[in-house]
Amino acid sequence: MQIEIRPLRPDDVRAAFTCGDVDLDRFFRNFAGQNQFRLHIGTTYVVADAARILGYVTVSPGSIMIDQLPLRDQRRFPAYPLPVLRLARLAVAADHQGCGIGSRLLRFVLELAREMASRLGCVGVVVDAQRQAVGFYARLGFVELPVIAGGLASRPQPLPMFLPIGSIPGGLNRSSH
């Protein structure tokens, strides 16, 4: 199967995509195009073969304040908004889950972050991890971001996690796009 990672196109057929998560499916069908082509608040990249879209990831540039970073990273940076790449959503078609498409999309995002760091500045990647995905991101080096006010009860859903740019391995392969 020949697949590519590329930006979402206005003529891509999104209506048939289903990953098993109603919110992720709804976002992709109803809002990904609007956010990318009209509002310019994020870019969605798709994994596609000749026939259909097999997965997607939505990213946008963002910033994070130093007190939102893990303590280990706070000492390294100045106390003003720091540029990050935000991984907003990642989904794989239900019938292609477990085939490595999600990992491929994540590697693609990490390479985007490395490019952003060298071209514009970027201290890391922030992901809003769904509870069932926290372990996946933690195994890759992402750490939970600290709660600013309140206790665990005030922790937002999904869980924000951070991966510093220096923890992203060099030489990631983006030849598939």
C-alpha atoms as a PDB file:
ATOM      1  CA  MET A   1       0.000   0.000   0.000  1.00  0.00           C
ATOM      2  CA  GLN A   2       1.443   3.360  -1.092  1.00  0.00           C
ATOM      3  CA  ILE A   3       0.556   6.139   1.351  1.00  0.00           C
ATOM      4  CA  GLU A   4       1.556   9.761   1.756  1.00  0.00           C
ATOM      5  CA  ILE A   5       1.367  12.385   4.485  1.00  0.00           C
ATOM      6  CA  ARG A   6       0.173  15.692   3.095  1.00  0.00           C
ATOM      7  CA  PRO A   7      -1.878  18.732   4.079  1.00  0.00           C
ATOM      8  CA  LEU A   8      -5.640  18.377   3.956  1.00  0.00           C
ATOM      9  CA  ARG A   9      -7.087  19.566   0.648  1.00  0.00           C
ATOM     10  CA  PRO A  10     -10.426  21.331   0.208  1.00  0.00           C
ATOM     11  CA  ASP A  11     -11.656  18.529  -2.062  1.00  0.00           C
ATOM     12  CA  ASP A  12     -10.703  15.664   0.284  1.00  0.00           C
ATOM     13  CA  VAL A  13     -13.679  13.494   1.158  1.00  0.00           C
ATOM     14  CA  ARG A  14     -13.938  13.578   4.940  1.00  0.00           C
ATOM     15  CA  ALA A  15     -17.495  12.329   5.453  1.00  0.00           C
ATOM     16  CA  ALA A  16     -16.592   8.625   5.405  1.00  0.00           C
ATOM     17  CA  PHE A  17     -13.756   8.868   7.950  1.00  0.00           C
ATOM     18  CA  THR A  18     -14.383   7.095  11.243  1.00  0.00           C
ATOM     19  CA  CYS A  19     -11.881   6.352  13.982  1.00  0.00           C
ATOM     20  CA  GLY A  20     -14.269   5.177  16.686  1.00  0.00           C
ATOM     21  CA  ASP A  21     -14.203   8.452  18.655  1.00  0.00           C
ATOM     22  CA  VAL A  22     -17.267  10.596  17.962  1.00  0.00           C
ATOM     23  CA  ASP A  23     -15.529  13.869  18.865  1.00  0.00           C
ATOM     24  CA  LEU A  24     -12.492  13.217  16.645  1.00  0.00           C
ATOM     25  CA  ASP A  25     -14.721  12.126  13.759  1.00  0.00           C
ATOM     26  CA  ARG A  26     -16.952  15.215  14.151  1.00  0.00           C
ATOM     27  CA  PHE A  27     -13.957  17.543  14.253  1.00  0.00           C
ATOM     28  CA  PHE A  28     -12.476  16.064  11.085  1.00  0.00           C
ATOM     29  CA  ARG A  29     -15.746  16.051   9.150  1.00  0.00           C
ATOM     30  CA  ASN A  30     -17.068  19.449  10.246  1.00  0.00           C
ATOM     31  CA  PHE A  31     -14.252  21.675  11.462  1.00  0.00           C
ATOM     32  CA  ALA A  32     -10.816  20.651  10.133  1.00  0.00           C
ATOM     33  CA  GLY A  33     -11.384  22.287   6.755  1.00  0.00           C
ATOM     34  CA  GLN A  34     -12.948  25.420   8.222  1.00  0.00           C
ATOM     35  CA  ASN A  35     -10.099  25.809  10.728  1.00  0.00           C
ATOM     36  CA  GLN A  36      -7.472  25.377   8.031  1.00  0.00           C
ATOM     37  CA  PHE A  37      -8.889  27.123   4.968  1.00  0.00           C
ATOM     38  CA  ARG A  38     -11.088  29.871   6.398  1.00  0.00           C
ATOM     39  CA  LEU A  39      -9.964  30.620   9.963  1.00  0.00           C
ATOM     40  CA  HIS A  40      -6.261  29.689   9.578  1.00  0.00           C
ATOM     41  CA  ILE A  41      -6.001  28.472  13.187  1.00  0.00           C
ATOM     42  CA  GLY A  42      -4.504  25.053  12.522  1.00  0.00           C
ATOM     43  CA  THR A  43      -3.321  22.765   9.775  1.00  0.00           C
ATOM     44  CA  THR A  44      -4.522  19.221   9.354  1.00  0.00           C
ATOM     45  CA  TYR A  45      -2.238  16.681   7.731  1.00  0.00           C
ATOM     46  CA  VAL A  46      -3.665  13.430   6.423  1.00  0.00           C
ATOM     47  CA  VAL A  47      -2.299   9.996   5.733  1.00  0.00           C
ATOM     48  CA  ALA A  48      -3.876   9.002   2.454  1.00  0.00           C
ATOM     49  CA  ASP A  49      -3.652   6.226  -0.051  1.00  0.00           C
ATOM     50  CA  ALA A  50      -5.073   6.524  -3.551  1.00  0.00           C
ATOM     51  CA  ALA A  51      -8.596   5.738  -2.372  1.00  0.00           C
ATOM     52  CA  ARG A  52      -9.123   7.383   1.019  1.00  0.00           C
ATOM     53  CA  ILE A  53      -7.883   9.099   4.152  1.00  0.00           C
ATOM     54  CA  LEU A  54      -6.491   6.657   6.729  1.00  0.00           C
ATOM     55  CA  GLY A  55      -5.638   9.101   9.512  1.00  0.00           C
ATOM     56  CA  TYR A  56      -5.074  12.723  10.368  1.00  0.00           C
ATOM     57  CA  VAL A  57      -3.253  15.034  12.737  1.00  0.00           C
ATOM     58  CA  THR A  58      -4.028  18.686  13.418  1.00  0.00           C
ATOM     59  CA  VAL A  59      -1.312  21.059  14.615  1.00  0.00           C
ATOM     60  CA  SER A  60      -1.016  24.746  15.324  1.00  0.00           C
ATOM     61  CA  PRO A  61       1.662  27.044  16.669  1.00  0.00           C
ATOM     62  CA  GLY A  62       1.142  28.173  20.219  1.00  0.00           C
ATOM     63  CA  SER A  63       2.877  29.475  23.269  1.00  0.00           C
ATOM     64  CA  ILE A  64       3.339  28.393  26.834  1.00  0.00           C
ATOM     65  CA  MET A  65       4.266  30.377  29.912  1.00  0.00           C
ATOM     66  CA  ILE A  66       7.288  29.301  31.903  1.00  0.00           C
ATOM     67  CA  ASP A  67       5.196  28.420  34.978  1.00  0.00           C
ATOM     68  CA  GLN A  68       3.221  25.948  32.857  1.00  0.00           C
ATOM     69  CA  LEU A  69       6.348  23.943  32.020  1.00  0.00           C
ATOM     70  CA  PRO A  70       7.598  21.013  34.088  1.00  0.00           C
ATOM     71  CA  LEU A  71       9.880  22.222  36.882  1.00  0.00           C
ATOM     72  CA  ARG A  72      12.930  20.618  35.253  1.00  0.00           C
ATOM     73  CA  ASP A  73      12.471  22.885  32.202  1.00  0.00           C
ATOM     74  CA  GLN A  74      11.576  26.134  33.948  1.00  0.00           C
ATOM     75  CA  ARG A  75      15.164  27.062  34.814  1.00  0.00           C
ATOM     76  CA  ARG A  76      16.298  26.956  31.203  1.00  0.00           C
ATOM     77  CA  PHE A  77      13.993  29.572  29.705  1.00  0.00           C
ATOM     78  CA  PRO A  78      13.211  33.272  30.121  1.00  0.00           C
ATOM     79  CA  ALA A  79       9.944  34.316  31.780  1.00  0.00           C
ATOM     80  CA  TYR A  80       7.925  35.274  28.712  1.00  0.00           C
ATOM     81  CA  PRO A  81       5.660  33.312  26.350  1.00  0.00           C
ATOM     82  CA  LEU A  82       7.613  30.483  24.754  1.00  0.00           C
ATOM     83  CA  PRO A  83       6.785  29.129  21.273  1.00  0.00           C
ATOM     84  CA  VAL A  84       5.515  25.545  21.018  1.00  0.00           C
ATOM     85  CA  LEU A  85       3.899  23.336  18.424  1.00  0.00           C
ATOM     86  CA  ARG A  86       0.521  22.148  19.678  1.00  0.00           C
ATOM     87  CA  LEU A  87      -0.631  18.714  18.596  1.00  0.00           C
ATOM     88  CA  ALA A  88      -4.378  19.285  18.833  1.00  0.00           C
ATOM     89  CA  ARG A  89      -5.834  16.074  17.421  1.00  0.00           C
ATOM     90  CA  LEU A  90      -4.590  12.750  16.073  1.00  0.00           C
ATOM     91  CA  ALA A  91      -6.825   9.952  14.770  1.00  0.00           C
ATOM     92  CA  VAL A  92      -6.502   6.801  12.684  1.00  0.00           C
ATOM     93  CA  ALA A  93      -9.332   5.155  10.752  1.00  0.00           C
ATOM     94  CA  ALA A  94     -10.810   2.320  12.793  1.00  0.00           C
ATOM     95  CA  ASP A  95      -9.902  -0.324  10.216  1.00  0.00           C
ATOM     96  CA  HIS A  96      -6.247   0.823  10.115  1.00  0.00           C
ATOM     97  CA  GLN A  97      -5.535   1.152  13.828  1.00  0.00           C
ATOM     98  CA  GLY A  98      -2.546  -0.876  14.971  1.00  0.00           C
ATOM     99  CA  CYS A  99      -0.817  -0.562  11.578  1.00  0.00           C
ATOM    100  CA  GLY A 100       1.659   2.151  12.588  1.00  0.00           C
ATOM    101  CA  ILE A 101      -0.204   5.081  11.039  1.00  0.00           C
ATOM    102  CA  GLY A 102      -0.557   6.925  14.362  1.00  0.00           C
ATOM    103  CA  SER A 103       3.162   6.533  15.068  1.00  0.00           C
ATOM    104  CA  ARG A 104       3.970   7.739  11.582  1.00  0.00           C
ATOM    105  CA  LEU A 105       1.798  10.835  12.089  1.00  0.00           C
ATOM    106  CA  LEU A 106       3.439  11.533  15.432  1.00  0.00           C
ATOM    107  CA  ARG A 107       6.944  11.236  13.917  1.00  0.00           C
ATOM    108  CA  PHE A 108       5.791  13.693  11.263  1.00  0.00           C
ATOM    109  CA  VAL A 109       4.660  16.174  13.954  1.00  0.00           C
ATOM    110  CA  LEU A 110       7.944  15.833  15.837  1.00  0.00           C
ATOM    111  CA  GLU A 111       9.848  16.605  12.654  1.00  0.00           C
ATOM    112  CA  LEU A 112       7.607  19.647  12.084  1.00  0.00           C
ATOM    113  CA  ALA A 113       8.546  20.808  15.592  1.00  0.00           C
ATOM    114  CA  ARG A 114      12.263  20.412  14.828  1.00  0.00           C
ATOM    115  CA  GLU A 115      11.792  22.446  11.628  1.00  0.00           C
ATOM    116  CA  MET A 116       9.819  25.071  13.532  1.00  0.00           C
ATOM    117  CA  ALA A 117      12.619  25.266  16.116  1.00  0.00           C
ATOM    118  CA  SER A 118      15.262  25.893  13.477  1.00  0.00           C
ATOM    119  CA  ARG A 119      13.200  28.337  11.385  1.00  0.00           C
ATOM    120  CA  LEU A 120      11.088  30.257  13.903  1.00  0.00           C
ATOM    121  CA  GLY A 121      11.771  29.034  17.414  1.00  0.00           C
ATOM    122  CA  CYS A 122      10.046  26.246  19.300  1.00  0.00           C
ATOM    123  CA  VAL A 123      10.809  24.892  22.771  1.00  0.00           C
ATOM    124  CA  GLY A 124       8.774  21.711  22.372  1.00  0.00           C
ATOM    125  CA  VAL A 125       5.502  19.987  21.567  1.00  0.00           C
ATOM    126  CA  VAL A 126       2.366  20.242  23.676  1.00  0.00           C
ATOM    127  CA  VAL A 127      -0.310  17.591  23.236  1.00  0.00           C
ATOM    128  CA  ASP A 128      -3.746  17.520  24.785  1.00  0.00           C
ATOM    129  CA  ALA A 129      -3.727  13.780  25.472  1.00  0.00           C
ATOM    130  CA  GLN A 130      -6.939  11.830  25.870  1.00  0.00           C
ATOM    131  CA  ARG A 131      -6.843   9.727  29.041  1.00  0.00           C
ATOM    132  CA  GLN A 132      -6.449   6.490  27.076  1.00  0.00           C
ATOM    133  CA  ALA A 133      -3.427   7.937  25.221  1.00  0.00           C
ATOM    134  CA  VAL A 134      -1.469   9.310  28.222  1.00  0.00           C
ATOM    135  CA  GLY A 135       0.633   6.131  28.527  1.00  0.00           C
ATOM    136  CA  PHE A 136       1.465   6.202  24.811  1.00  0.00           C
ATOM    137  CA  TYR A 137       2.761   9.782  25.007  1.00  0.00           C
ATOM    138  CA  ALA A 138       4.543   9.160  28.323  1.00  0.00           C
ATOM    139  CA  ARG A 139       6.501   6.261  26.750  1.00  0.00           C
ATOM    140  CA  LEU A 140       7.711   8.722  24.111  1.00  0.00           C
ATOM    141  CA  GLY A 141       9.034  11.145  26.718  1.00  0.00           C
ATOM    142  CA  PHE A 142       6.088  13.513  27.086  1.00  0.00           C
ATOM    143  CA  VAL A 143       5.523  14.642  30.671  1.00  0.00           C
ATOM    144  CA  GLU A 144       2.361  15.949  32.288  1.00  0.00           C
ATOM    145  CA  LEU A 145       2.224  19.695  32.608  1.00  0.00           C
ATOM    146  CA  PRO A 146       1.795  20.990  36.154  1.00  0.00           C
ATOM    147  CA  VAL A 147      -1.552  22.179  37.450  1.00  0.00           C
ATOM    148  CA  ILE A 148      -1.343  25.927  38.013  1.00  0.00           C
ATOM    149  CA  ALA A 149      -4.203  26.343  40.513  1.00  0.00           C
ATOM    150  CA  GLY A 150      -6.254  23.880  42.525  1.00  0.00           C
ATOM    151  CA  GLY A 151      -5.706  20.181  42.968  1.00  0.00           C
ATOM    152  CA  LEU A 152      -6.152  17.167  40.744  1.00  0.00           C
ATOM    153  CA  ALA A 153      -9.880  17.850  40.551  1.00  0.00           C
ATOM    154  CA  SER A 154      -9.122  21.005  38.576  1.00  0.00           C
ATOM    155  CA  ARG A 155      -6.954  19.163  36.037  1.00  0.00           C
ATOM    156  CA  PRO A 156      -8.479  19.685  32.598  1.00  0.00           C
ATOM    157  CA  GLN A 157      -9.632  16.921  30.330  1.00  0.00           C
ATOM    158  CA  PRO A 158      -7.717  16.044  28.169  1.00  0.00           C
ATOM    159  CA  LEU A 159      -4.377  16.037  29.946  1.00  0.00           C
ATOM    160  CA  PRO A 160      -1.787  18.506  28.608  1.00  0.00           C
ATOM    161  CA  MET A 161       1.654  16.961  28.137  1.00  0.00           C
ATOM    162  CA  PHE A 162       4.982  18.387  26.968  1.00  0.00           C
ATOM    163  CA  LEU A 163       8.004  17.074  25.069  1.00  0.00           C
ATOM    164  CA  PRO A 164      11.037  19.417  24.994  1.00  0.00           C
ATOM    165  CA  ILE A 165      12.576  20.005  21.587  1.00  0.00           C
ATOM    166  CA  GLY A 166      15.874  18.556  22.842  1.00  0.00           C
ATOM    167  CA  SER A 167      14.166  15.224  23.532  1.00  0.00           C
ATOM    168  CA  ILE A 168      13.083  14.787  19.926  1.00  0.00           C
ATOM    169  CA  PRO A 169      15.472  12.432  18.150  1.00  0.00           C
ATOM    170  CA  GLY A 170      17.304  13.869  15.145  1.00  0.00           C
ATOM    171  CA  GLY A 171      17.054  12.417  11.687  1.00  0.00           C
ATOM    172  CA  LEU A 172      13.380  11.470  11.816  1.00  0.00           C
ATOM    173  CA  ASN A 173      12.197  10.145   8.478  1.00  0.00           C
ATOM    174  CA  ARG A 174       9.668  12.303   6.632  1.00  0.00           C
ATOM    175  CA  SER A 175      10.166  10.642   3.283  1.00  0.00           C
ATOM    176  CA  SER A 176       6.578   9.396   3.281  1.00  0.00           C
ATOM    177  CA  HIS A 177       5.064  12.764   2.425  1.00  0.00           C
END
